[in-house]
Protein backbone atom coordinates (compact mmCIF):
# COMPACT_ATOMS: atom_id res chain seq x y z
CA MET A 1 23.02 -11.96 7.70
CA ILE A 2 24.99 -9.80 5.27
CA GLY A 3 25.25 -11.52 1.89
CA THR A 4 21.80 -13.07 2.13
CA LYS A 5 19.74 -13.06 -1.06
CA ILE A 6 16.75 -10.86 -0.31
CA ARG A 7 13.28 -11.94 -1.46
CA LEU A 8 11.17 -9.73 0.81
CA ILE A 9 11.59 -6.16 2.10
CA ALA A 10 9.72 -5.26 5.30
CA LEU A 11 9.53 -1.55 6.07
CA ASP A 12 8.35 0.33 9.11
CA LEU A 13 6.28 3.40 8.25
CA ASP A 14 6.61 6.43 10.57
CA GLY A 15 10.18 7.63 10.89
CA THR A 16 11.31 5.11 8.27
CA LEU A 17 9.28 5.37 5.06
CA ILE A 18 7.76 8.73 5.98
CA GLY A 19 8.66 11.70 8.13
CA PRO A 20 6.37 14.35 9.65
CA ASP A 21 5.36 15.49 6.15
CA LEU A 22 3.90 11.99 5.47
CA ILE A 23 5.61 11.86 2.07
CA ILE A 24 7.56 8.93 0.60
CA SER A 25 10.49 10.56 -1.17
CA PRO A 26 11.15 10.03 -4.91
CA ARG A 27 14.46 8.25 -4.20
CA VAL A 28 12.80 5.82 -1.80
CA ARG A 29 9.97 5.13 -4.24
CA ALA A 30 12.47 4.56 -7.05
CA SER A 31 14.51 2.08 -4.97
CA ILE A 32 11.38 0.13 -4.05
CA LYS A 33 10.29 0.05 -7.69
CA ALA A 34 13.73 -1.22 -8.74
CA ALA A 35 13.64 -3.94 -6.07
CA ARG A 36 10.18 -5.05 -7.17
CA GLU A 37 11.39 -5.26 -10.78
CA ARG A 38 13.97 -7.77 -9.54
CA GLY A 39 11.20 -9.93 -8.10
CA VAL A 40 11.48 -8.78 -4.50
CA GLU A 41 8.20 -8.52 -2.56
CA ILE A 42 7.45 -5.44 -0.42
CA THR A 43 5.45 -5.15 2.78
CA ILE A 44 4.85 -2.50 5.44
CA VAL A 45 5.10 -3.47 9.12
CA THR A 46 3.65 -0.70 11.26
CA GLY A 47 1.97 0.11 14.53
CA ARG A 48 -0.65 2.11 12.64
CA MET A 49 -4.20 0.98 12.13
CA PHE A 50 -5.16 -0.26 8.66
CA ALA A 51 -7.03 2.93 7.71
CA ALA A 52 -3.90 4.98 8.45
CA ALA A 53 -1.50 2.61 6.67
CA LYS A 54 -3.50 1.74 3.55
CA PRO A 55 -2.82 4.99 1.63
CA PHE A 56 0.92 4.37 1.80
CA ALA A 57 0.51 0.75 0.71
CA GLN A 58 -1.48 2.01 -2.28
CA THR A 59 1.22 4.54 -3.11
CA LEU A 60 3.79 1.74 -3.23
CA GLY A 61 1.53 -0.70 -5.06
CA ILE A 62 1.40 -3.18 -2.18
CA ALA A 63 -1.60 -5.47 -2.62
CA GLY A 64 -0.61 -8.37 -0.35
CA ALA A 65 -0.14 -8.74 3.40
CA LEU A 66 0.11 -5.52 5.41
CA VAL A 67 1.08 -5.71 9.09
CA CYS A 68 -0.73 -3.23 11.38
CA TYR A 69 -1.05 -2.67 15.13
CA GLN A 70 2.52 -3.98 15.76
CA GLY A 71 1.43 -7.34 14.34
CA ALA A 72 -1.84 -7.66 16.27
CA ALA A 73 -3.77 -7.41 12.98
CA ILE A 74 -2.61 -8.36 9.50
CA TYR A 75 -4.65 -7.36 6.46
CA GLU A 76 -4.67 -7.96 2.73
CA ALA A 77 -3.85 -4.46 1.53
CA ALA A 78 -5.89 -4.53 -1.66
CA SER A 79 -9.15 -5.84 -0.21
CA GLY A 80 -8.93 -4.91 3.47
CA VAL A 81 -9.68 -8.51 4.44
CA VAL A 82 -8.37 -9.39 7.91
CA LEU A 83 -5.90 -12.25 7.58
CA ARG A 84 -5.23 -12.52 11.31
CA GLU A 85 -6.25 -10.68 14.46
CA THR A 86 -4.94 -11.08 18.03
CA PRO A 87 -6.64 -8.89 20.64
CA VAL A 88 -5.38 -7.88 24.08
CA ARG A 89 -6.45 -10.13 26.96
CA GLN A 90 -9.64 -8.82 28.54
CA ASP A 91 -8.21 -8.78 32.06
CA VAL A 92 -5.26 -6.72 30.81
CA THR A 93 -7.56 -4.24 29.07
CA ARG A 94 -9.59 -3.69 32.24
CA GLU A 95 -6.48 -3.40 34.41
CA VAL A 96 -4.66 -0.93 32.16
CA LEU A 97 -7.73 1.27 31.69
CA ALA A 98 -8.29 1.37 35.45
CA TRP A 99 -4.60 2.15 36.03
CA ALA A 100 -4.69 4.97 33.46
CA ALA A 101 -7.95 6.44 34.83
CA GLU A 102 -6.59 6.53 38.38
CA ARG A 103 -3.51 8.45 37.22
CA GLY A 104 -5.16 10.72 34.67
CA VAL A 105 -3.23 9.18 31.77
CA HIS A 106 -4.84 9.49 28.33
CA ALA A 107 -5.77 6.06 26.93
CA GLN A 108 -7.06 4.85 23.57
CA CYS A 109 -8.61 1.54 22.50
CA TYR A 110 -9.06 0.10 19.01
CA GLY A 111 -11.87 -1.95 17.53
CA ASP A 112 -13.09 -2.51 13.98
CA ASP A 113 -10.14 -0.41 12.82
CA ARG A 114 -11.39 2.65 14.72
CA ILE A 115 -9.86 4.62 17.60
CA TYR A 116 -11.94 5.11 20.74
CA VAL A 117 -11.29 7.72 23.44
CA ASP A 118 -13.27 9.18 26.31
CA HIS A 119 -11.49 12.55 26.26
CA ILE A 120 -10.56 14.92 23.43
CA ASN A 121 -7.48 16.73 24.70
CA ARG A 122 -3.93 17.66 23.77
CA PHE A 123 -2.92 14.00 23.89
CA SER A 124 -5.65 12.80 21.54
CA GLN A 125 -4.69 15.70 19.27
CA ARG A 126 -1.03 14.67 19.44
CA TYR A 127 -1.97 11.18 18.25
CA TYR A 128 -4.14 12.62 15.47
CA GLU A 129 -1.21 14.72 14.25
CA VAL A 130 0.75 11.50 13.68
CA ALA A 131 -1.98 9.13 12.44
CA LYS A 132 -4.38 11.60 10.76
CA VAL A 133 -7.36 9.48 11.83
CA GLU A 134 -10.22 10.97 13.86
CA ALA A 135 -11.10 9.29 17.15
CA THR A 136 -14.58 8.17 18.19
CA LEU A 137 -15.62 9.69 21.52
CA VAL A 138 -17.38 7.45 24.06
CA PRO A 139 -18.58 8.34 27.58
CA SER A 140 -16.24 5.81 29.22
CA LEU A 141 -13.54 3.58 27.75
CA ARG A 142 -13.72 1.37 30.83
CA ASP A 143 -17.41 0.73 30.20
CA ALA A 144 -17.11 0.47 26.43
CA PHE A 145 -14.29 -2.10 26.60
CA ALA A 146 -15.20 -3.91 29.82
CA GLU A 147 -16.12 -6.95 27.72
CA ARG A 148 -15.31 -5.85 24.19
CA PRO A 149 -11.86 -6.86 22.84
CA THR A 150 -9.36 -4.20 21.81
CA ILE A 151 -6.56 -4.84 19.33
CA LYS A 152 -4.22 -2.65 21.38
CA LEU A 153 -4.22 0.01 24.07
CA VAL A 154 -2.21 3.18 23.61
CA LEU A 155 -1.25 5.53 26.41
CA VAL A 156 -0.32 9.00 25.16
CA ASP A 157 1.75 11.24 27.41
CA ASP A 158 4.86 13.39 27.55
CA PRO A 159 8.08 11.45 26.74
CA GLU A 160 9.58 11.41 30.25
CA ARG A 161 6.29 10.18 31.72
CA CYS A 162 6.06 7.48 29.04
CA GLU A 163 9.39 6.12 30.24
CA GLU A 164 8.00 5.91 33.76
CA HIS A 165 4.80 4.24 32.55
CA MET A 166 6.89 1.56 30.82
CA LYS A 167 8.83 0.87 34.02
CA VAL A 168 5.64 0.48 36.05
CA LEU A 169 3.50 -1.45 33.57
CA ALA A 170 6.11 -4.02 32.53
CA PRO A 171 6.33 -5.74 35.95
CA LEU A 172 2.64 -5.12 36.65
CA LEU A 173 1.48 -6.98 33.54
CA GLY A 174 4.37 -9.45 33.28
CA THR A 175 3.88 -12.12 30.64
CA ARG A 176 0.22 -11.19 30.12
CA ALA A 177 1.09 -8.40 27.67
CA TYR A 178 3.67 -7.10 25.23
CA ILE A 179 4.52 -3.48 25.98
CA THR A 180 6.45 -1.32 23.53
CA ARG A 181 6.94 2.23 22.29
CA SER A 182 6.44 3.22 18.66
CA HIS A 183 6.95 6.94 19.38
CA LYS A 184 8.42 8.94 22.22
CA ASP A 185 4.90 9.99 23.29
CA PHE A 186 3.22 6.56 23.05
CA VAL A 187 3.19 3.42 25.20
CA GLU A 188 1.44 0.50 23.50
CA VAL A 189 -0.01 -2.58 25.20
CA LEU A 190 -0.71 -5.66 23.09
CA SER A 191 -1.12 -9.42 23.30
CA PRO A 192 2.11 -11.17 24.34
CA ASP A 193 1.67 -13.43 21.31
CA VAL A 194 2.47 -10.68 18.80
CA ASN A 195 5.25 -8.32 17.76
CA LYS A 196 6.67 -7.15 14.45
CA GLY A 197 9.16 -10.00 14.24
CA GLU A 198 6.52 -12.67 14.79
CA ALA A 199 4.30 -10.97 12.22
CA LEU A 200 7.15 -10.97 9.71
CA ALA A 201 7.26 -14.77 9.83
CA PHE A 202 3.52 -14.89 9.00
CA VAL A 203 3.93 -12.54 6.04
CA ALA A 204 7.07 -14.25 4.74
CA ALA A 205 5.28 -17.60 4.71
CA ARG A 206 2.47 -16.11 2.61
CA TYR A 207 5.08 -15.03 0.07
CA GLY A 208 6.74 -18.44 0.08
CA THR A 209 9.92 -17.22 1.73
CA THR A 210 11.39 -16.91 5.23
CA PRO A 211 12.40 -14.06 7.56
CA ALA A 212 16.03 -15.07 6.86
CA GLU A 213 15.54 -13.87 3.27
CA THR A 214 14.14 -10.52 4.39
CA LEU A 215 15.61 -7.03 4.60
CA ALA A 216 13.86 -5.13 7.40
CA VAL A 217 14.23 -1.42 8.15
CA GLY A 218 12.94 0.42 11.23
CA ASP A 219 13.55 3.37 13.49
CA ALA A 220 12.00 2.83 16.95
CA TRP A 221 11.84 0.53 19.99
CA ASN A 222 8.97 -1.48 18.51
CA ASP A 223 11.18 -2.37 15.54
CA VAL A 224 13.69 -4.35 17.61
CA PRO A 225 11.81 -7.68 17.12
CA LEU A 226 11.51 -6.93 13.39
CA LEU A 227 15.22 -6.34 12.91
CA GLU A 228 16.12 -9.36 15.02
CA ALA A 229 13.84 -11.63 12.97
CA ALA A 230 15.07 -10.48 9.55
CA GLY A 231 18.07 -11.84 7.69
CA ILE A 232 19.33 -8.27 7.45
CA GLY A 233 18.04 -5.81 10.03
CA VAL A 234 18.76 -2.16 9.31
CA ALA A 235 18.20 0.74 11.71
CA MET A 236 17.55 4.31 10.67
CA GLY A 237 20.22 6.61 12.07
CA SER A 238 17.60 8.44 14.12
CA GLY A 239 16.74 5.30 16.09
CA PRO A 240 17.24 4.89 19.86
CA PRO A 241 20.38 3.17 21.20
CA GLU A 242 18.42 -0.02 21.95
CA LEU A 243 17.59 -0.38 18.24
CA LEU A 244 21.00 0.62 16.88
CA ALA A 245 22.66 -2.00 19.09
CA ARG A 246 20.55 -4.80 17.52
CA ALA A 247 20.98 -3.73 13.88
CA ASP A 248 23.21 -5.36 11.27
CA ALA A 249 23.68 -1.93 9.69
CA VAL A 250 22.71 1.69 10.27
CA VAL A 251 21.64 4.08 7.50
CA GLY A 252 20.66 7.74 7.28
CA ASP A 253 17.49 9.09 8.84
CA VAL A 254 14.23 9.55 6.95
CA ALA A 255 15.24 13.03 5.76
CA HIS A 256 18.30 11.47 4.12
CA ASP A 257 16.45 8.56 2.45
CA GLY A 258 17.72 5.83 4.75
CA VAL A 259 15.33 3.26 3.24
CA ALA A 260 16.71 3.88 -0.23
CA GLU A 261 20.25 3.60 1.14
CA ALA A 262 19.42 0.21 2.66
CA ILE A 263 17.76 -1.13 -0.50
CA GLU A 264 20.53 0.15 -2.76
CA ARG A 265 23.16 -1.42 -0.53
CA PHE A 266 21.63 -4.79 0.25
CA VAL A 267 19.29 -5.49 -2.69
CA LEU A 268 20.34 -3.49 -5.75
CA ALA A 269 24.11 -3.43 -5.39
């Protein structure tokens, strides 16, 4: 709600805080510093694993709660202690891996903050180019995760095929899973009990505030729950129509310091 006093800022990472160069711009860093000096807490809410998100939390001086894996795991940034973890249902893991194997779709599983794959190919390389975390190769994901929990499953494919995968998997899995896209090349399967908006409530409570007193900024489909949960939900101008339609305001893209624009407008003004 515009006019709300902001006590917490929740920021998506890729496409919001950072672009392909993985750099947080000086203007964005200055706006975050100014907000913190006014007593506003800062958190990152990302689909990334902890190892891939921690360097950016350190850059911004975030020591408290850090939301990773779309909310399926929440860590204390400074220590790496897991505050909460919600894995995918085992039947869903087995079903999705079988579905992907039958169709030749590249799949990835996550455990102990590591990526596991059974093929190194252009799709695993595409994911590495975004996350900058090396995958662990196993003979068979289906065997490795037949009984072992995974925090999330990621299917990596070309954008048009990802759209088709979403259309097929959503009715197939129903209420047993939460399916979203953090990137045009990724389809992510998680527990139905988590999303970025639900995770925001957990983090806000740790800071003694509420989602209603939060400014949230995001750029992709997976940020819809985050923006809907926050008192002020801001979409980066590069976001898809589904996100822009749910936002209270729209700012410039990451190349034009949209995060700084949002903070300057709704916190520092």
